[in-house]
């Protein structure tokens, strides 16, 4: 299983990728939308985990752009803000949503759910 993590907080996303790798999940990460788009264009991923609020574009906007490259890619949205608005925005297009902070086991469970959907 290959996962792409996209979040503008480098320490968070790099640590998350490392923790997934320790558990046998191949995880790449990106802190910019352009880099994430480039990675998906060059490599096949099963799931993309996207931060809702990033400086480049929202997680929903990035999802729409990534889908143009890979229509089979599954998505999980993550937010540190946990607002009802961001949840409602995401749940319409992405049924898998997490609020930071979360345990790695919960993320792994969501990844498996997304793959089974």
PDB file of N, CA and C in Angstrom:
ATOM      1  N   UNK A   1       0.850  -1.167   0.000  1.00  0.00           N
ATOM      2  CA  UNK A   1       0.000   0.000   0.000  1.00  0.00           C
ATOM      3  C   UNK A   1       0.896   1.232   0.000  1.00  0.00           C
ATOM      4  N   UNK A   2       0.530   2.203  -0.860  1.00  0.00           N
ATOM      5  CA  UNK A   2       1.318   3.433  -0.984  1.00  0.00           C
ATOM      6  C   UNK A   2       0.445   4.631  -0.634  1.00  0.00           C
ATOM      7  N   UNK A   3       0.962   5.458   0.275  1.00  0.00           N
ATOM      8  CA  UNK A   3       0.208   6.602   0.780  1.00  0.00           C
ATOM      9  C   UNK A   3       1.012   7.878   0.539  1.00  0.00           C
ATOM     10  N   UNK A   4       0.316   8.925   0.120  1.00  0.00           N
ATOM     11  CA  UNK A   4       0.915  10.248   0.007  1.00  0.00           C
ATOM     12  C   UNK A   4       0.303  11.135   1.082  1.00  0.00           C
ATOM     13  N   UNK A   5       1.147  11.741   1.897  1.00  0.00           N
ATOM     14  CA  UNK A   5       0.714  12.652   2.958  1.00  0.00           C
ATOM     15  C   UNK A   5       1.026  14.079   2.520  1.00  0.00           C
ATOM     16  N   UNK A   6       0.030  14.963   2.589  1.00  0.00           N
ATOM     17  CA  UNK A   6       0.239  16.352   2.183  1.00  0.00           C
ATOM     18  C   UNK A   6      -0.229  17.267   3.309  1.00  0.00           C
ATOM     19  N   UNK A   7       0.723  18.018   3.859  1.00  0.00           N
ATOM     20  CA  UNK A   7       0.450  18.949   4.959  1.00  0.00           C
ATOM     21  C   UNK A   7       1.550  19.994   4.946  1.00  0.00           C
ATOM     22  N   UNK A   8       1.214  21.240   5.190  1.00  0.00           N
ATOM     23  CA  UNK A   8       2.225  22.301   5.158  1.00  0.00           C
ATOM     24  C   UNK A   8       3.112  22.320   6.402  1.00  0.00           C
ATOM     25  N   UNK A   9       2.814  21.491   7.383  1.00  0.00           N
ATOM     26  CA  UNK A   9       3.647  21.394   8.581  1.00  0.00           C
ATOM     27  C   UNK A   9       4.655  20.246   8.384  1.00  0.00           C
ATOM     28  N   UNK A  10       5.880  20.611   8.004  1.00  0.00           N
ATOM     29  CA  UNK A  10       6.886  19.608   7.633  1.00  0.00           C
ATOM     30  C   UNK A  10       7.199  18.624   8.754  1.00  0.00           C
ATOM     31  N   UNK A  11       7.367  19.102   9.973  1.00  0.00           N
ATOM     32  CA  UNK A  11       7.685  18.191  11.078  1.00  0.00           C
ATOM     33  C   UNK A  11       6.581  17.168  11.286  1.00  0.00           C
ATOM     34  N   UNK A  12       5.347  17.613  11.209  1.00  0.00           N
ATOM     35  CA  UNK A  12       4.199  16.715  11.395  1.00  0.00           C
ATOM     36  C   UNK A  12       4.158  15.656  10.301  1.00  0.00           C
ATOM     37  N   UNK A  13       4.228  16.088   9.049  1.00  0.00           N
ATOM     38  CA  UNK A  13       4.049  15.166   7.933  1.00  0.00           C
ATOM     39  C   UNK A  13       5.235  14.213   7.774  1.00  0.00           C
ATOM     40  N   UNK A  14       6.440  14.675   8.048  1.00  0.00           N
ATOM     41  CA  UNK A  14       7.601  13.777   7.940  1.00  0.00           C
ATOM     42  C   UNK A  14       7.578  12.734   9.056  1.00  0.00           C
ATOM     43  N   UNK A  15       7.189  13.148  10.258  1.00  0.00           N
ATOM     44  CA  UNK A  15       7.085  12.193  11.371  1.00  0.00           C
ATOM     45  C   UNK A  15       5.977  11.178  11.114  1.00  0.00           C
ATOM     46  N   UNK A  16       4.872  11.627  10.562  1.00  0.00           N
ATOM     47  CA  UNK A  16       3.766  10.738  10.244  1.00  0.00           C
ATOM     48  C   UNK A  16       4.186   9.704   9.198  1.00  0.00           C
ATOM     49  N   UNK A  17       4.907  10.142   8.181  1.00  0.00           N
ATOM     50  CA  UNK A  17       5.398   9.220   7.153  1.00  0.00           C
ATOM     51  C   UNK A  17       6.325   8.175   7.762  1.00  0.00           C
ATOM     52  N   UNK A  18       7.181   8.606   8.655  1.00  0.00           N
ATOM     53  CA  UNK A  18       8.102   7.673   9.310  1.00  0.00           C
ATOM     54  C   UNK A  18       7.339   6.648  10.144  1.00  0.00           C
ATOM     55  N   UNK A  19       6.323   7.114  10.873  1.00  0.00           N
ATOM     56  CA  UNK A  19       5.543   6.201  11.716  1.00  0.00           C
ATOM     57  C   UNK A  19       4.761   5.187  10.875  1.00  0.00           C
ATOM     58  N   UNK A  20       4.273   5.611   9.716  1.00  0.00           N
ATOM     59  CA  UNK A  20       3.591   4.671   8.830  1.00  0.00           C
ATOM     60  C   UNK A  20       4.579   3.659   8.252  1.00  0.00           C
ATOM     61  N   UNK A  21       5.751   4.140   7.870  1.00  0.00           N
ATOM     62  CA  UNK A  21       6.784   3.258   7.305  1.00  0.00           C
ATOM     63  C   UNK A  21       7.196   2.179   8.299  1.00  0.00           C
ATOM     64  N   UNK A  22       7.314   2.545   9.554  1.00  0.00           N
ATOM     65  CA  UNK A  22       7.656   1.576  10.601  1.00  0.00           C
ATOM     66  C   UNK A  22       6.608   0.467  10.660  1.00  0.00           C
ATOM     67  N   UNK A  23       5.371   0.804  10.325  1.00  0.00           N
ATOM     68  CA  UNK A  23       4.276  -0.168  10.355  1.00  0.00           C
ATOM     69  C   UNK A  23       4.057  -0.850   9.000  1.00  0.00           C
ATOM     70  N   UNK A  24       5.012  -0.711   8.105  1.00  0.00           N
ATOM     71  CA  UNK A  24       4.958  -1.419   6.831  1.00  0.00           C
ATOM     72  C   UNK A  24       4.164  -0.748   5.728  1.00  0.00           C
ATOM     73  N   UNK A  25       3.819   0.523   5.914  1.00  0.00           N
ATOM     74  CA  UNK A  25       3.070   1.255   4.893  1.00  0.00           C
ATOM     75  C   UNK A  25       4.027   2.222   4.206  1.00  0.00           C
ATOM     76  N   UNK A  26       4.160   2.074   2.889  1.00  0.00           N
ATOM     77  CA  UNK A  26       5.030   2.974   2.137  1.00  0.00           C
ATOM     78  C   UNK A  26       4.392   4.360   2.111  1.00  0.00           C
ATOM     79  N   UNK A  27       5.087   5.345   2.643  1.00  0.00           N
ATOM     80  CA  UNK A  27       4.520   6.686   2.759  1.00  0.00           C
ATOM     81  C   UNK A  27       5.504   7.733   2.265  1.00  0.00           C
ATOM     82  N   UNK A  28       5.053   8.527   1.300  1.00  0.00           N
ATOM     83  CA  UNK A  28       5.785   9.704   0.851  1.00  0.00           C
ATOM     84  C   UNK A  28       5.057  10.915   1.394  1.00  0.00           C
ATOM     85  N   UNK A  29       5.752  12.038   1.438  1.00  0.00           N
ATOM     86  CA  UNK A  29       5.102  13.232   1.962  1.00  0.00           C
ATOM     87  C   UNK A  29       5.486  14.458   1.160  1.00  0.00           C
ATOM     88  N   UNK A  30       4.647  15.472   1.278  1.00  0.00           N
ATOM     89  CA  UNK A  30       4.854  16.732   0.589  1.00  0.00           C
ATOM     90  C   UNK A  30       4.312  17.862   1.449  1.00  0.00           C
ATOM     91  N   UNK A  31       4.947  19.017   1.332  1.00  0.00           N
ATOM     92  CA  UNK A  31       4.462  20.196   2.059  1.00  0.00           C
ATOM     93  C   UNK A  31       3.884  21.252   1.117  1.00  0.00           C
ATOM     94  N   UNK A  32       3.890  20.981  -0.185  1.00  0.00           N
ATOM     95  CA  UNK A  32       3.308  21.928  -1.143  1.00  0.00           C
ATOM     96  C   UNK A  32       2.375  21.204  -2.104  1.00  0.00           C
ATOM     97  N   UNK A  33       1.429  21.923  -2.615  1.00  0.00           N
ATOM     98  CA  UNK A  33       0.477  21.337  -3.558  1.00  0.00           C
ATOM     99  C   UNK A  33       1.156  20.984  -4.874  1.00  0.00           C
ATOM    100  N   UNK A  34       2.035  21.841  -5.363  1.00  0.00           N
ATOM    101  CA  UNK A  34       2.736  21.554  -6.620  1.00  0.00           C
ATOM    102  C   UNK A  34       3.538  20.267  -6.515  1.00  0.00           C
ATOM    103  N   UNK A  35       4.223  20.082  -5.398  1.00  0.00           N
ATOM    104  CA  UNK A  35       5.000  18.867  -5.201  1.00  0.00           C
ATOM    105  C   UNK A  35       4.089  17.640  -5.135  1.00  0.00           C
ATOM    106  N   UNK A  36       2.962  17.769  -4.456  1.00  0.00           N
ATOM    107  CA  UNK A  36       2.014  16.646  -4.365  1.00  0.00           C
ATOM    108  C   UNK A  36       1.485  16.282  -5.750  1.00  0.00           C
ATOM    109  N   UNK A  37       1.136  17.276  -6.543  1.00  0.00           N
ATOM    110  CA  UNK A  37       0.649  17.012  -7.900  1.00  0.00           C
ATOM    111  C   UNK A  37       1.718  16.317  -8.733  1.00  0.00           C
ATOM    112  N   UNK A  38       2.943  16.762  -8.605  1.00  0.00           N
ATOM    113  CA  UNK A  38       4.061  16.165  -9.333  1.00  0.00           C
ATOM    114  C   UNK A  38       4.279  14.709  -8.914  1.00  0.00           C
ATOM    115  N   UNK A  39       4.205  14.455  -7.619  1.00  0.00           N
ATOM    116  CA  UNK A  39       4.414  13.084  -7.126  1.00  0.00           C
ATOM    117  C   UNK A  39       3.344  12.139  -7.652  1.00  0.00           C
ATOM    118  N   UNK A  40       2.098  12.563  -7.644  1.00  0.00           N
ATOM    119  CA  UNK A  40       1.007  11.706  -8.126  1.00  0.00           C
ATOM    120  C   UNK A  40       1.114  11.505  -9.636  1.00  0.00           C
ATOM    121  N   UNK A  41       1.651  12.492 -10.328  1.00  0.00           N
ATOM    122  CA  UNK A  41       1.852  12.367 -11.773  1.00  0.00           C
ATOM    123  C   UNK A  41       2.934  11.334 -12.098  1.00  0.00           C
ATOM    124  N   UNK A  42       3.903  11.180 -11.195  1.00  0.00           N
ATOM    125  CA  UNK A  42       5.044  10.300 -11.438  1.00  0.00           C
ATOM    126  C   UNK A  42       4.923   8.919 -10.795  1.00  0.00           C
ATOM    127  N   UNK A  43       4.075   8.790  -9.775  1.00  0.00           N
ATOM    128  CA  UNK A  43       4.019   7.551  -9.008  1.00  0.00           C
ATOM    129  C   UNK A  43       2.574   7.208  -8.669  1.00  0.00           C
ATOM    130  N   UNK A  44       2.286   5.934  -8.600  1.00  0.00           N
ATOM    131  CA  UNK A  44       0.939   5.459  -8.256  1.00  0.00           C
ATOM    132  C   UNK A  44       0.792   5.356  -6.737  1.00  0.00           C
ATOM    133  N   UNK A  45      -0.210   6.024  -6.205  1.00  0.00           N
ATOM    134  CA  UNK A  45      -0.538   5.953  -4.779  1.00  0.00           C
ATOM    135  C   UNK A  45      -1.931   5.357  -4.632  1.00  0.00           C
ATOM    136  N   UNK A  46      -2.156   4.700  -3.499  1.00  0.00           N
ATOM    137  CA  UNK A  46      -3.475   4.151  -3.205  1.00  0.00           C
ATOM    138  C   UNK A  46      -4.352   5.167  -2.485  1.00  0.00           C
ATOM    139  N   UNK A  47      -3.742   5.909  -1.555  1.00  0.00           N
ATOM    140  CA  UNK A  47      -4.478   6.866  -0.720  1.00  0.00           C
ATOM    141  C   UNK A  47      -3.660   8.143  -0.569  1.00  0.00           C
ATOM    142  N   UNK A  48      -4.358   9.280  -0.617  1.00  0.00           N
ATOM    143  CA  UNK A  48      -3.736  10.573  -0.312  1.00  0.00           C
ATOM    144  C   UNK A  48      -4.402  11.125   0.944  1.00  0.00           C
ATOM    145  N   UNK A  49      -3.585  11.511   1.903  1.00  0.00           N
ATOM    146  CA  UNK A  49      -4.061  12.112   3.150  1.00  0.00           C
ATOM    147  C   UNK A  49      -3.752  13.592   3.051  1.00  0.00           C
ATOM    148  N   UNK A  50      -4.800  14.430   2.991  1.00  0.00           N
ATOM    149  CA  UNK A  50      -4.647  15.846   2.694  1.00  0.00           C
ATOM    150  C   UNK A  50      -5.100  16.721   3.851  1.00  0.00           C
ATOM    151  N   UNK A  51      -4.268  17.693   4.190  1.00  0.00           N
ATOM    152  CA  UNK A  51      -4.661  18.709   5.170  1.00  0.00           C
ATOM    153  C   UNK A  51      -5.736  19.585   4.532  1.00  0.00           C
ATOM    154  N   UNK A  52      -6.749  19.961   5.297  1.00  0.00           N
ATOM    155  CA  UNK A  52      -7.831  20.794   4.775  1.00  0.00           C
ATOM    156  C   UNK A  52      -7.334  22.203   4.468  1.00  0.00           C
ATOM    157  N   UNK A  53      -6.540  22.781   5.382  1.00  0.00           N
ATOM    158  CA  UNK A  53      -6.105  24.176   5.214  1.00  0.00           C
ATOM    159  C   UNK A  53      -4.612  24.227   4.950  1.00  0.00           C
ATOM    160  N   UNK A  54      -4.284  24.633   3.729  1.00  0.00           N
ATOM    161  CA  UNK A  54      -2.890  24.816   3.348  1.00  0.00           C
ATOM    162  C   UNK A  54      -2.777  26.140   2.610  1.00  0.00           C
ATOM    163  N   UNK A  55      -1.592  26.731   2.580  1.00  0.00           N
ATOM    164  CA  UNK A  55      -1.439  28.022   1.909  1.00  0.00           C
ATOM    165  C   UNK A  55      -1.663  27.958   0.398  1.00  0.00           C
ATOM    166  N   UNK A  56      -1.359  26.818  -0.212  1.00  0.00           N
ATOM    167  CA  UNK A  56      -1.432  26.715  -1.667  1.00  0.00           C
ATOM    168  C   UNK A  56      -2.866  26.604  -2.179  1.00  0.00           C
ATOM    169  N   UNK A  57      -3.659  25.766  -1.555  1.00  0.00           N
ATOM    170  CA  UNK A  57      -5.073  25.581  -1.874  1.00  0.00           C
ATOM    171  C   UNK A  57      -5.669  24.687  -0.793  1.00  0.00           C
ATOM    172  N   UNK A  58      -6.974  24.620  -0.745  1.00  0.00           N
ATOM    173  CA  UNK A  58      -7.606  23.768   0.266  1.00  0.00           C
ATOM    174  C   UNK A  58      -7.398  22.300  -0.092  1.00  0.00           C
ATOM    175  N   UNK A  59      -7.586  21.447   0.885  1.00  0.00           N
ATOM    176  CA  UNK A  59      -7.497  20.020   0.638  1.00  0.00           C
ATOM    177  C   UNK A  59      -8.505  19.549  -0.393  1.00  0.00           C
ATOM    178  N   UNK A  60      -9.694  20.153  -0.402  1.00  0.00           N
ATOM    179  CA  UNK A  60     -10.722  19.798  -1.387  1.00  0.00           C
ATOM    180  C   UNK A  60     -10.271  20.199  -2.788  1.00  0.00           C
ATOM    181  N   UNK A  61      -9.705  21.398  -2.929  1.00  0.00           N
ATOM    182  CA  UNK A  61      -9.207  21.836  -4.241  1.00  0.00           C
ATOM    183  C   UNK A  61      -8.075  20.920  -4.711  1.00  0.00           C
ATOM    184  N   UNK A  62      -7.173  20.574  -3.796  1.00  0.00           N
ATOM    185  CA  UNK A  62      -6.077  19.681  -4.154  1.00  0.00           C
ATOM    186  C   UNK A  62      -6.623  18.310  -4.555  1.00  0.00           C
ATOM    187  N   UNK A  63      -7.605  17.820  -3.833  1.00  0.00           N
ATOM    188  CA  UNK A  63      -8.242  16.535  -4.171  1.00  0.00           C
ATOM    189  C   UNK A  63      -8.756  16.569  -5.598  1.00  0.00           C
ATOM    190  N   UNK A  64      -9.456  17.618  -5.959  1.00  0.00           N
ATOM    191  CA  UNK A  64     -10.022  17.729  -7.311  1.00  0.00           C
ATOM    192  C   UNK A  64      -8.923  17.711  -8.368  1.00  0.00           C
ATOM    193  N   UNK A  65      -7.813  18.385  -8.087  1.00  0.00           N
ATOM    194  CA  UNK A  65      -6.695  18.405  -9.039  1.00  0.00           C
ATOM    195  C   UNK A  65      -5.991  17.048  -9.112  1.00  0.00           C
ATOM    196  N   UNK A  66      -5.855  16.381  -7.978  1.00  0.00           N
ATOM    197  CA  UNK A  66      -5.227  15.059  -7.972  1.00  0.00           C
ATOM    198  C   UNK A  66      -6.081  14.032  -8.704  1.00  0.00           C
ATOM    199  N   UNK A  67      -7.404  14.162  -8.594  1.00  0.00           N
ATOM    200  CA  UNK A  67      -8.308  13.238  -9.291  1.00  0.00           C
ATOM    201  C   UNK A  67      -8.173  13.340 -10.803  1.00  0.00           C
ATOM    202  N   UNK A  68      -7.788  14.499 -11.290  1.00  0.00           N
ATOM    203  CA  UNK A  68      -7.576  14.661 -12.736  1.00  0.00           C
ATOM    204  C   UNK A  68      -6.385  13.823 -13.202  1.00  0.00           C
ATOM    205  N   UNK A  69      -5.447  13.584 -12.299  1.00  0.00           N
ATOM    206  CA  UNK A  69      -4.265  12.785 -12.617  1.00  0.00           C
ATOM    207  C   UNK A  69      -4.536  11.307 -12.386  1.00  0.00           C
ATOM    208  N   UNK A  70      -5.211  10.981 -11.282  1.00  0.00           N
ATOM    209  CA  UNK A  70      -5.474   9.576 -10.929  1.00  0.00           C
ATOM    210  C   UNK A  70      -6.885   9.446 -10.365  1.00  0.00           C
ATOM    211  N   UNK A  71      -7.792   8.968 -11.186  1.00  0.00           N
ATOM    212  CA  UNK A  71      -9.200   8.857 -10.785  1.00  0.00           C
ATOM    213  C   UNK A  71      -9.434   7.753  -9.755  1.00  0.00           C
ATOM    214  N   UNK A  72      -8.475   6.854  -9.576  1.00  0.00           N
ATOM    215  CA  UNK A  72      -8.641   5.757  -8.622  1.00  0.00           C
ATOM    216  C   UNK A  72      -8.089   6.073  -7.235  1.00  0.00           C
ATOM    217  N   UNK A  73      -7.459   7.206  -7.083  1.00  0.00           N
ATOM    218  CA  UNK A  73      -6.862   7.595  -5.808  1.00  0.00           C
ATOM    219  C   UNK A  73      -7.959   7.829  -4.768  1.00  0.00           C
ATOM    220  N   UNK A  74      -7.757   7.278  -3.569  1.00  0.00           N
ATOM    221  CA  UNK A  74      -8.691   7.472  -2.454  1.00  0.00           C
ATOM    222  C   UNK A  74      -8.160   8.605  -1.573  1.00  0.00           C
ATOM    223  N   UNK A  75      -9.045   9.249  -0.808  1.00  0.00           N
ATOM    224  CA  UNK A  75      -8.662  10.423  -0.040  1.00  0.00           C
ATOM    225  C   UNK A  75      -9.142  10.368   1.400  1.00  0.00           C
ATOM    226  N   UNK A  76      -8.308  10.958   2.266  1.00  0.00           N
ATOM    227  CA  UNK A  76      -8.656  11.201   3.665  1.00  0.00           C
ATOM    228  C   UNK A  76      -8.307  12.662   3.918  1.00  0.00           C
ATOM    229  N   UNK A  77      -9.230  13.414   4.495  1.00  0.00           N
ATOM    230  CA  UNK A  77      -8.964  14.804   4.862  1.00  0.00           C
ATOM    231  C   UNK A  77      -8.600  14.879   6.335  1.00  0.00           C
ATOM    232  N   UNK A  78      -7.665  15.765   6.638  1.00  0.00           N
ATOM    233  CA  UNK A  78      -7.199  15.964   8.008  1.00  0.00           C
ATOM    234  C   UNK A  78      -7.252  17.460   8.308  1.00  0.00           C
ATOM    235  N   UNK A  79      -7.696  17.807   9.514  1.00  0.00           N
ATOM    236  CA  UNK A  79      -7.688  19.213   9.908  1.00  0.00           C
ATOM    237  C   UNK A  79      -7.278  19.362  11.363  1.00  0.00           C
ATOM    238  N   UNK A  80      -6.603  20.445  11.642  1.00  0.00           N
ATOM    239  CA  UNK A  80      -6.260  20.800  13.007  1.00  0.00           C
ATOM    240  C   UNK A  80      -7.262  21.779  13.573  1.00  0.00           C
ATOM    241  N   UNK A  81      -8.200  22.189  12.739  1.00  0.00           N
ATOM    242  CA  UNK A  81      -9.155  23.218  13.143  1.00  0.00           C
ATOM    243  C   UNK A  81     -10.464  22.626  13.631  1.00  0.00           C
ATOM    244  N   UNK A  82     -10.863  21.500  13.061  1.00  0.00           N
ATOM    245  CA  UNK A  82     -12.027  20.777  13.551  1.00  0.00           C
ATOM    246  C   UNK A  82     -13.324  21.532  13.509  1.00  0.00           C
ATOM    247  N   UNK A  83     -13.405  22.534  12.644  1.00  0.00           N
ATOM    248  CA  UNK A  83     -14.639  23.306  12.588  1.00  0.00           C
ATOM    249  C   UNK A  83     -15.731  22.519  11.876  1.00  0.00           C
ATOM    250  N   UNK A  84     -16.940  22.782  12.222  1.00  0.00           N
ATOM    251  CA  UNK A  84     -18.072  22.121  11.574  1.00  0.00           C
ATOM    252  C   UNK A  84     -18.085  22.443  10.082  1.00  0.00           C
ATOM    253  N   UNK A  85     -17.712  23.655   9.737  1.00  0.00           N
ATOM    254  CA  UNK A  85     -17.694  24.055   8.332  1.00  0.00           C
ATOM    255  C   UNK A  85     -16.709  23.212   7.526  1.00  0.00           C
ATOM    256  N   UNK A  86     -15.504  23.041   8.042  1.00  0.00           N
ATOM    257  CA  UNK A  86     -14.520  22.249   7.306  1.00  0.00           C
ATOM    258  C   UNK A  86     -14.939  20.794   7.237  1.00  0.00           C
ATOM    259  N   UNK A  87     -15.586  20.313   8.284  1.00  0.00           N
ATOM    260  CA  UNK A  87     -16.070  18.929   8.272  1.00  0.00           C
ATOM    261  C   UNK A  87     -17.146  18.756   7.210  1.00  0.00           C
ATOM    262  N   UNK A  88     -18.122  19.658   7.188  1.00  0.00           N
ATOM    263  CA  UNK A  88     -19.208  19.558   6.214  1.00  0.00           C
ATOM    264  C   UNK A  88     -18.678  19.685   4.795  1.00  0.00           C
ATOM    265  N   UNK A  89     -17.718  20.581   4.592  1.00  0.00           N
ATOM    266  CA  UNK A  89     -17.129  20.756   3.274  1.00  0.00           C
ATOM    267  C   UNK A  89     -16.482  19.450   2.823  1.00  0.00           C
ATOM    268  N   UNK A  90     -15.757  18.802   3.692  1.00  0.00           N
ATOM    269  CA  UNK A  90     -15.053  17.596   3.333  1.00  0.00           C
ATOM    270  C   UNK A  90     -15.930  16.379   3.202  1.00  0.00           C
ATOM    271  N   UNK A  91     -16.916  16.242   4.055  1.00  0.00           N
ATOM    272  CA  UNK A  91     -17.716  15.021   4.081  1.00  0.00           C
ATOM    273  C   UNK A  91     -18.537  14.856   2.810  1.00  0.00           C
ATOM    274  N   UNK A  92     -18.821  15.933   2.113  1.00  0.00           N
ATOM    275  CA  UNK A  92     -19.577  15.831   0.870  1.00  0.00           C
ATOM    276  C   UNK A  92     -18.767  15.111  -0.204  1.00  0.00           C
ATOM    277  N   UNK A  93     -17.470  15.357  -0.238  1.00  0.00           N
ATOM    278  CA  UNK A  93     -16.625  14.767  -1.266  1.00  0.00           C
ATOM    279  C   UNK A  93     -15.720  13.662  -0.742  1.00  0.00           C
ATOM    280  N   UNK A  94     -15.410  13.712   0.533  1.00  0.00           N
ATOM    281  CA  UNK A  94     -14.481  12.748   1.121  1.00  0.00           C
ATOM    282  C   UNK A  94     -15.095  12.223   2.414  1.00  0.00           C
ATOM    283  N   UNK A  95     -15.528  10.971   2.409  1.00  0.00           N
ATOM    284  CA  UNK A  95     -16.190  10.446   3.613  1.00  0.00           C
ATOM    285  C   UNK A  95     -15.227  10.148   4.763  1.00  0.00           C
ATOM    286  N   UNK A  96     -13.918  10.199   4.496  1.00  0.00           N
ATOM    287  CA  UNK A  96     -12.942   9.868   5.531  1.00  0.00           C
ATOM    288  C   UNK A  96     -12.257  11.140   5.997  1.00  0.00           C
ATOM    289  N   UNK A  97     -12.431  11.441   7.282  1.00  0.00           N
ATOM    290  CA  UNK A  97     -12.036  12.728   7.830  1.00  0.00           C
ATOM    291  C   UNK A  97     -11.457  12.516   9.229  1.00  0.00           C
ATOM    292  N   UNK A  98     -10.336  13.163   9.515  1.00  0.00           N
ATOM    293  CA  UNK A  98      -9.717  13.074  10.844  1.00  0.00           C
ATOM    294  C   UNK A  98      -9.418  14.470  11.380  1.00  0.00           C
ATOM    295  N   UNK A  99      -9.530  14.621  12.684  1.00  0.00           N
ATOM    296  CA  UNK A  99      -9.163  15.869  13.348  1.00  0.00           C
ATOM    297  C   UNK A  99      -7.869  15.642  14.118  1.00  0.00           C
ATOM    298  N   UNK A 100      -6.901  16.541  13.914  1.00  0.00           N
ATOM    299  CA  UNK A 100      -5.621  16.474  14.636  1.00  0.00           C
ATOM    300  C   UNK A 100      -5.858  16.884  16.081  1.00  0.00           C
ATOM    301  N   UNK A 101      -5.139  16.333  17.000  1.00  0.00           N
ATOM    302  CA  UNK A 101      -4.205  15.211  16.862  1.00  0.00           C
ATOM    303  C   UNK A 101      -4.974  13.905  16.806  1.00  0.00           C
ATOM    304  N   UNK A 102      -4.370  12.900  16.198  1.00  0.00           N
ATOM    305  CA  UNK A 102      -4.978  11.579  16.123  1.00  0.00           C
ATOM    306  C   UNK A 102      -3.888  10.531  16.329  1.00  0.00           C
ATOM    307  N   UNK A 103      -4.311   9.358  16.732  1.00  0.00           N
ATOM    308  CA  UNK A 103      -3.373   8.249  16.932  1.00  0.00           C
ATOM    309  C   UNK A 103      -3.095   7.595  15.579  1.00  0.00           C
ATOM    310  N   UNK A 104      -1.885   7.103  15.419  1.00  0.00           N
ATOM    311  CA  UNK A 104      -1.475   6.479  14.167  1.00  0.00           C
ATOM    312  C   UNK A 104      -2.370   5.292  13.819  1.00  0.00           C
ATOM    313  N   UNK A 105      -2.830   4.567  14.815  1.00  0.00           N
ATOM    314  CA  UNK A 105      -3.703   3.419  14.570  1.00  0.00           C
ATOM    315  C   UNK A 105      -5.029   3.850  13.959  1.00  0.00           C
ATOM    316  N   UNK A 106      -5.511   5.018  14.353  1.00  0.00           N
ATOM    317  CA  UNK A 106      -6.763   5.534  13.785  1.00  0.00           C
ATOM    318  C   UNK A 106      -6.557   5.882  12.317  1.00  0.00           C
ATOM    319  N   UNK A 107      -5.430   6.524  11.996  1.00  0.00           N
ATOM    320  CA  UNK A 107      -5.129   6.836  10.597  1.00  0.00           C
ATOM    321  C   UNK A 107      -5.024   5.552   9.773  1.00  0.00           C
ATOM    322  N   UNK A 108      -4.337   4.556  10.284  1.00  0.00           N
ATOM    323  CA  UNK A 108      -4.199   3.286   9.563  1.00  0.00           C
ATOM    324  C   UNK A 108      -5.570   2.660   9.329  1.00  0.00           C
ATOM    325  N   UNK A 109      -6.436   2.736  10.315  1.00  0.00           N
ATOM    326  CA  UNK A 109      -7.802   2.232  10.150  1.00  0.00           C
ATOM    327  C   UNK A 109      -8.552   2.978   9.059  1.00  0.00           C
ATOM    328  N   UNK A 110      -8.402   4.286   9.011  1.00  0.00           N
ATOM    329  CA  UNK A 110      -9.067   5.097   7.968  1.00  0.00           C
ATOM    330  C   UNK A 110      -8.502   4.772   6.596  1.00  0.00           C
ATOM    331  N   UNK A 111      -7.191   4.549   6.517  1.00  0.00           N
ATOM    332  CA  UNK A 111      -6.567   4.179   5.242  1.00  0.00           C
ATOM    333  C   UNK A 111      -7.167   2.867   4.751  1.00  0.00           C
ATOM    334  N   UNK A 112      -7.285   1.891   5.632  1.00  0.00           N
ATOM    335  CA  UNK A 112      -7.867   0.602   5.252  1.00  0.00           C
ATOM    336  C   UNK A 112      -9.330   0.743   4.838  1.00  0.00           C
ATOM    337  N   UNK A 113     -10.082   1.587   5.553  1.00  0.00           N
ATOM    338  CA  UNK A 113     -11.478   1.838   5.188  1.00  0.00           C
ATOM    339  C   UNK A 113     -11.568   2.479   3.806  1.00  0.00           C
ATOM    340  N   UNK A 114     -10.710   3.448   3.538  1.00  0.00           N
ATOM    341  CA  UNK A 114     -10.727   4.126   2.242  1.00  0.00           C
ATOM    342  C   UNK A 114     -10.433   3.138   1.121  1.00  0.00           C
ATOM    343  N   UNK A 115      -9.501   2.243   1.342  1.00  0.00           N
ATOM    344  CA  UNK A 115      -9.147   1.250   0.317  1.00  0.00           C
ATOM    345  C   UNK A 115     -10.296   0.276   0.064  1.00  0.00           C
ATOM    346  N   UNK A 116     -11.074  -0.016   1.102  1.00  0.00           N
ATOM    347  CA  UNK A 116     -12.184  -0.946   0.967  1.00  0.00           C
ATOM    348  C   UNK A 116     -13.432  -0.290   0.378  1.00  0.00           C
ATOM    349  N   UNK A 117     -13.469   1.025   0.349  1.00  0.00           N
ATOM    350  CA  UNK A 117     -14.666   1.747  -0.117  1.00  0.00           C
ATOM    351  C   UNK A 117     -14.808   1.681  -1.631  1.00  0.00           C
TER     352      UNK A 117
END
